[in-house]
């Protein structure tokens, strides 16, 4: 039997509970998930990393973010994407 490449292990040592750091409020960015106590949206921060920013660049540019809140951004994204099916499109196809 082949072992799954990605397995959710919430009890994994060092795992973070994103719910402690990520929140939504209809009065803050129209309910977009943000880091608690800030107006920094999860998708915005994820985009910084996708654009090549490293942890230090994001952390120093967008204080008062903590290392834990940045980890929570990834934990939230992993949770949201866990059951999502992604359809890849060949760039040459039209």
N, C-alpha and C. Protein backbone atom coordinates (compact mmCIF):
# COMPACT_ATOMS: atom_id res chain seq x y z
N UNK A 1 0.84 -1.18 0.00
CA UNK A 1 0.00 0.00 0.00
C UNK A 1 0.88 1.24 0.00
N UNK A 2 0.61 2.16 -0.93
CA UNK A 2 1.40 3.37 -1.05
C UNK A 2 0.92 4.41 -0.04
N UNK A 3 1.87 5.03 0.63
CA UNK A 3 1.54 6.06 1.61
C UNK A 3 1.27 7.38 0.88
N UNK A 4 0.27 8.12 1.36
CA UNK A 4 -0.07 9.41 0.76
C UNK A 4 1.09 10.38 0.94
N UNK A 5 1.32 11.20 -0.06
CA UNK A 5 2.40 12.18 0.02
C UNK A 5 2.09 13.28 1.02
N UNK A 6 0.83 13.70 1.07
CA UNK A 6 0.44 14.77 1.97
C UNK A 6 -0.65 14.26 2.89
N UNK A 7 -0.40 14.30 4.16
CA UNK A 7 -1.37 13.85 5.15
C UNK A 7 -1.53 14.94 6.18
N UNK A 8 -2.76 15.27 6.48
CA UNK A 8 -3.01 16.26 7.51
C UNK A 8 -2.76 15.63 8.87
N UNK A 9 -1.91 16.25 9.64
CA UNK A 9 -1.60 15.77 10.98
C UNK A 9 -1.74 16.93 11.96
N UNK A 10 -2.96 17.26 12.39
CA UNK A 10 -3.11 18.41 13.27
C UNK A 10 -2.37 18.26 14.58
N UNK A 11 -2.11 17.04 15.00
CA UNK A 11 -1.41 16.83 16.26
C UNK A 11 0.10 16.87 16.08
N UNK A 12 0.56 17.11 14.87
CA UNK A 12 1.98 17.14 14.58
C UNK A 12 2.68 18.19 15.44
N UNK A 13 3.82 17.83 15.99
CA UNK A 13 4.56 18.74 16.84
C UNK A 13 4.88 20.01 16.06
N UNK A 14 4.65 21.14 16.67
CA UNK A 14 4.92 22.41 16.01
C UNK A 14 3.78 22.90 15.13
N UNK A 15 2.72 22.10 15.01
CA UNK A 15 1.58 22.53 14.18
C UNK A 15 0.93 23.74 14.83
N UNK A 16 0.43 24.61 14.00
CA UNK A 16 -0.18 25.85 14.49
C UNK A 16 -1.68 25.79 14.26
N UNK A 17 -2.42 26.37 15.15
CA UNK A 17 -3.87 26.48 15.00
C UNK A 17 -4.16 27.83 14.36
N UNK A 18 -4.47 27.80 13.07
CA UNK A 18 -4.64 29.05 12.34
C UNK A 18 -5.79 29.88 12.89
N UNK A 19 -6.79 29.23 13.48
CA UNK A 19 -7.95 29.94 14.01
C UNK A 19 -7.57 30.95 15.10
N UNK A 20 -6.43 30.75 15.74
CA UNK A 20 -5.96 31.69 16.75
C UNK A 20 -5.40 32.97 16.13
N UNK A 21 -5.11 32.94 14.84
CA UNK A 21 -4.41 34.05 14.18
C UNK A 21 -5.16 34.65 13.00
N UNK A 22 -6.07 33.90 12.40
CA UNK A 22 -6.78 34.36 11.20
C UNK A 22 -8.25 34.54 11.56
N UNK A 23 -8.82 35.65 11.11
CA UNK A 23 -10.22 35.93 11.43
C UNK A 23 -10.90 36.60 10.25
N UNK A 24 -12.21 36.67 10.30
CA UNK A 24 -12.99 37.42 9.32
C UNK A 24 -13.96 38.32 10.08
N UNK A 25 -14.22 39.45 9.48
CA UNK A 25 -15.17 40.41 10.04
C UNK A 25 -15.76 41.16 8.86
N UNK A 26 -17.08 41.17 8.73
CA UNK A 26 -17.69 41.86 7.59
C UNK A 26 -17.30 43.34 7.50
N UNK A 27 -16.87 43.92 8.60
CA UNK A 27 -16.49 45.33 8.62
C UNK A 27 -15.01 45.57 8.30
N UNK A 28 -14.25 44.49 8.12
CA UNK A 28 -12.82 44.60 7.80
C UNK A 28 -12.60 43.93 6.45
N UNK A 29 -12.24 44.72 5.46
CA UNK A 29 -11.99 44.24 4.10
C UNK A 29 -13.13 43.35 3.58
N UNK A 30 -14.35 43.74 3.88
CA UNK A 30 -15.55 43.03 3.41
C UNK A 30 -15.58 41.56 3.79
N UNK A 31 -14.99 41.23 4.91
CA UNK A 31 -15.03 39.85 5.39
C UNK A 31 -13.92 38.96 4.87
N UNK A 32 -12.96 39.53 4.16
CA UNK A 32 -11.81 38.76 3.68
C UNK A 32 -11.01 38.26 4.88
N UNK A 33 -10.54 37.01 4.87
CA UNK A 33 -9.73 36.52 5.98
C UNK A 33 -8.46 37.37 6.16
N UNK A 34 -8.24 37.82 7.38
CA UNK A 34 -7.09 38.66 7.70
C UNK A 34 -6.38 38.11 8.93
N UNK A 35 -5.15 38.56 9.11
CA UNK A 35 -4.43 38.25 10.35
C UNK A 35 -5.09 39.07 11.46
N UNK A 36 -5.45 38.36 12.52
CA UNK A 36 -6.16 38.98 13.65
C UNK A 36 -5.44 40.25 14.12
N UNK A 37 -6.22 41.32 14.32
CA UNK A 37 -5.67 42.57 14.81
C UNK A 37 -5.02 43.45 13.74
N UNK A 38 -5.11 43.01 12.48
CA UNK A 38 -4.52 43.79 11.38
C UNK A 38 -5.53 43.88 10.25
N UNK A 39 -5.15 44.59 9.21
CA UNK A 39 -5.93 44.62 7.98
C UNK A 39 -5.14 43.92 6.87
N UNK A 40 -4.25 43.03 7.24
CA UNK A 40 -3.43 42.28 6.27
C UNK A 40 -4.16 41.00 5.89
N UNK A 41 -4.63 40.95 4.65
CA UNK A 41 -5.39 39.81 4.16
C UNK A 41 -4.49 38.62 3.90
N UNK A 42 -5.03 37.44 4.14
CA UNK A 42 -4.31 36.19 3.90
C UNK A 42 -3.87 36.10 2.44
N UNK A 43 -4.77 36.43 1.52
CA UNK A 43 -4.40 36.32 0.10
C UNK A 43 -3.32 37.33 -0.28
N UNK A 44 -3.33 38.51 0.32
CA UNK A 44 -2.29 39.50 0.07
C UNK A 44 -0.93 38.98 0.55
N UNK A 45 -0.89 38.46 1.76
CA UNK A 45 0.37 37.95 2.30
C UNK A 45 0.87 36.74 1.51
N UNK A 46 -0.04 35.85 1.15
CA UNK A 46 0.35 34.70 0.32
C UNK A 46 0.93 35.17 -1.00
N UNK A 47 0.35 36.22 -1.54
CA UNK A 47 0.86 36.79 -2.79
C UNK A 47 2.27 37.33 -2.67
N UNK A 48 2.60 37.89 -1.52
CA UNK A 48 3.98 38.37 -1.31
C UNK A 48 4.96 37.20 -1.41
N UNK A 49 4.62 36.09 -0.76
CA UNK A 49 5.49 34.92 -0.83
C UNK A 49 5.56 34.37 -2.26
N UNK A 50 4.43 34.35 -2.95
CA UNK A 50 4.40 33.88 -4.34
C UNK A 50 5.25 34.76 -5.24
N UNK A 51 5.36 36.03 -4.88
CA UNK A 51 6.16 36.97 -5.66
C UNK A 51 7.65 36.89 -5.34
N UNK A 52 8.01 35.99 -4.41
CA UNK A 52 9.42 35.79 -4.11
C UNK A 52 9.90 36.42 -2.81
N UNK A 53 9.00 37.05 -2.08
CA UNK A 53 9.41 37.62 -0.80
C UNK A 53 9.72 36.49 0.17
N UNK A 54 10.69 36.71 1.04
CA UNK A 54 10.95 35.71 2.08
C UNK A 54 10.30 36.15 3.39
N UNK A 55 10.36 35.27 4.36
CA UNK A 55 9.73 35.52 5.66
C UNK A 55 10.21 36.84 6.26
N UNK A 56 11.49 37.09 6.22
CA UNK A 56 12.07 38.30 6.82
C UNK A 56 11.54 39.56 6.13
N UNK A 57 11.45 39.54 4.82
CA UNK A 57 10.95 40.71 4.08
C UNK A 57 9.49 41.02 4.43
N UNK A 58 8.67 39.98 4.49
CA UNK A 58 7.27 40.17 4.84
C UNK A 58 7.16 40.64 6.28
N UNK A 59 7.88 39.98 7.16
CA UNK A 59 7.80 40.29 8.58
C UNK A 59 8.22 41.73 8.87
N UNK A 60 9.30 42.19 8.26
CA UNK A 60 9.76 43.55 8.53
C UNK A 60 8.92 44.61 7.82
N UNK A 61 8.31 44.27 6.70
CA UNK A 61 7.52 45.23 5.95
C UNK A 61 6.11 45.40 6.50
N UNK A 62 5.59 44.38 7.15
CA UNK A 62 4.19 44.40 7.59
C UNK A 62 4.06 44.09 9.07
N UNK A 63 4.74 44.86 9.87
CA UNK A 63 4.57 44.71 11.32
C UNK A 63 3.17 45.18 11.67
N UNK A 64 2.54 44.68 12.66
CA UNK A 64 3.02 43.88 13.78
C UNK A 64 2.84 42.38 13.59
N UNK A 65 3.04 41.86 12.41
CA UNK A 65 2.89 40.42 12.19
C UNK A 65 3.94 39.66 12.99
N UNK A 66 3.53 38.53 13.52
CA UNK A 66 4.46 37.66 14.24
C UNK A 66 4.82 36.48 13.35
N UNK A 67 5.85 35.76 13.74
CA UNK A 67 6.23 34.55 13.01
C UNK A 67 5.07 33.55 13.03
N UNK A 68 4.38 33.48 14.16
CA UNK A 68 3.24 32.55 14.28
C UNK A 68 2.10 32.95 13.35
N UNK A 69 1.84 34.26 13.22
CA UNK A 69 0.76 34.68 12.33
C UNK A 69 1.10 34.39 10.87
N UNK A 70 2.37 34.51 10.51
CA UNK A 70 2.76 34.16 9.13
C UNK A 70 2.63 32.67 8.90
N UNK A 71 2.98 31.86 9.88
CA UNK A 71 2.77 30.41 9.76
C UNK A 71 1.28 30.10 9.63
N UNK A 72 0.46 30.86 10.35
CA UNK A 72 -0.99 30.66 10.30
C UNK A 72 -1.55 30.94 8.91
N UNK A 73 -0.94 31.88 8.18
CA UNK A 73 -1.36 32.16 6.80
C UNK A 73 -1.23 30.88 5.97
N UNK A 74 -0.11 30.19 6.11
CA UNK A 74 0.09 28.94 5.36
C UNK A 74 -0.82 27.83 5.87
N UNK A 75 -1.02 27.76 7.18
CA UNK A 75 -1.91 26.75 7.74
C UNK A 75 -3.33 26.95 7.25
N UNK A 76 -3.76 28.20 7.19
CA UNK A 76 -5.10 28.51 6.67
C UNK A 76 -5.21 28.10 5.21
N UNK A 77 -4.22 28.47 4.41
CA UNK A 77 -4.24 28.12 2.99
C UNK A 77 -4.27 26.60 2.80
N UNK A 78 -3.51 25.89 3.60
CA UNK A 78 -3.49 24.42 3.51
C UNK A 78 -4.86 23.84 3.84
N UNK A 79 -5.49 24.39 4.86
CA UNK A 79 -6.82 23.90 5.26
C UNK A 79 -7.85 24.17 4.17
N UNK A 80 -7.82 25.36 3.60
CA UNK A 80 -8.77 25.73 2.55
C UNK A 80 -8.56 24.86 1.32
N UNK A 81 -7.31 24.61 0.98
CA UNK A 81 -7.00 23.86 -0.23
C UNK A 81 -7.10 22.34 -0.07
N UNK A 82 -7.24 21.87 1.13
CA UNK A 82 -7.21 20.44 1.38
C UNK A 82 -8.18 19.65 0.52
N UNK A 83 -9.41 20.10 0.43
CA UNK A 83 -10.42 19.36 -0.31
C UNK A 83 -10.73 19.96 -1.68
N UNK A 84 -9.95 20.94 -2.09
CA UNK A 84 -10.18 21.59 -3.38
C UNK A 84 -9.54 20.77 -4.50
N UNK A 85 -10.25 20.68 -5.60
CA UNK A 85 -9.70 20.07 -6.81
C UNK A 85 -9.21 21.20 -7.71
N UNK A 86 -7.98 21.13 -8.14
CA UNK A 86 -7.42 22.16 -9.00
C UNK A 86 -7.31 21.63 -10.42
N UNK A 87 -7.87 22.35 -11.34
CA UNK A 87 -7.79 21.97 -12.76
C UNK A 87 -6.66 22.75 -13.40
N UNK A 88 -5.64 22.04 -13.85
CA UNK A 88 -4.52 22.67 -14.52
C UNK A 88 -4.85 22.85 -16.00
N UNK A 89 -4.50 23.98 -16.54
CA UNK A 89 -4.78 24.29 -17.94
C UNK A 89 -3.45 24.40 -18.66
N UNK A 90 -3.32 23.70 -19.75
CA UNK A 90 -2.13 23.76 -20.58
C UNK A 90 -2.09 25.12 -21.26
N UNK A 91 -1.00 25.84 -21.10
CA UNK A 91 -0.91 27.20 -21.67
C UNK A 91 -1.04 27.20 -23.19
N UNK A 92 -0.67 26.14 -23.84
CA UNK A 92 -0.76 26.07 -25.30
C UNK A 92 -2.16 25.74 -25.79
N UNK A 93 -3.02 25.28 -24.90
CA UNK A 93 -4.37 24.92 -25.29
C UNK A 93 -5.25 26.15 -25.40
N UNK A 94 -6.12 26.14 -26.38
CA UNK A 94 -7.05 27.28 -26.51
C UNK A 94 -8.39 26.81 -26.99
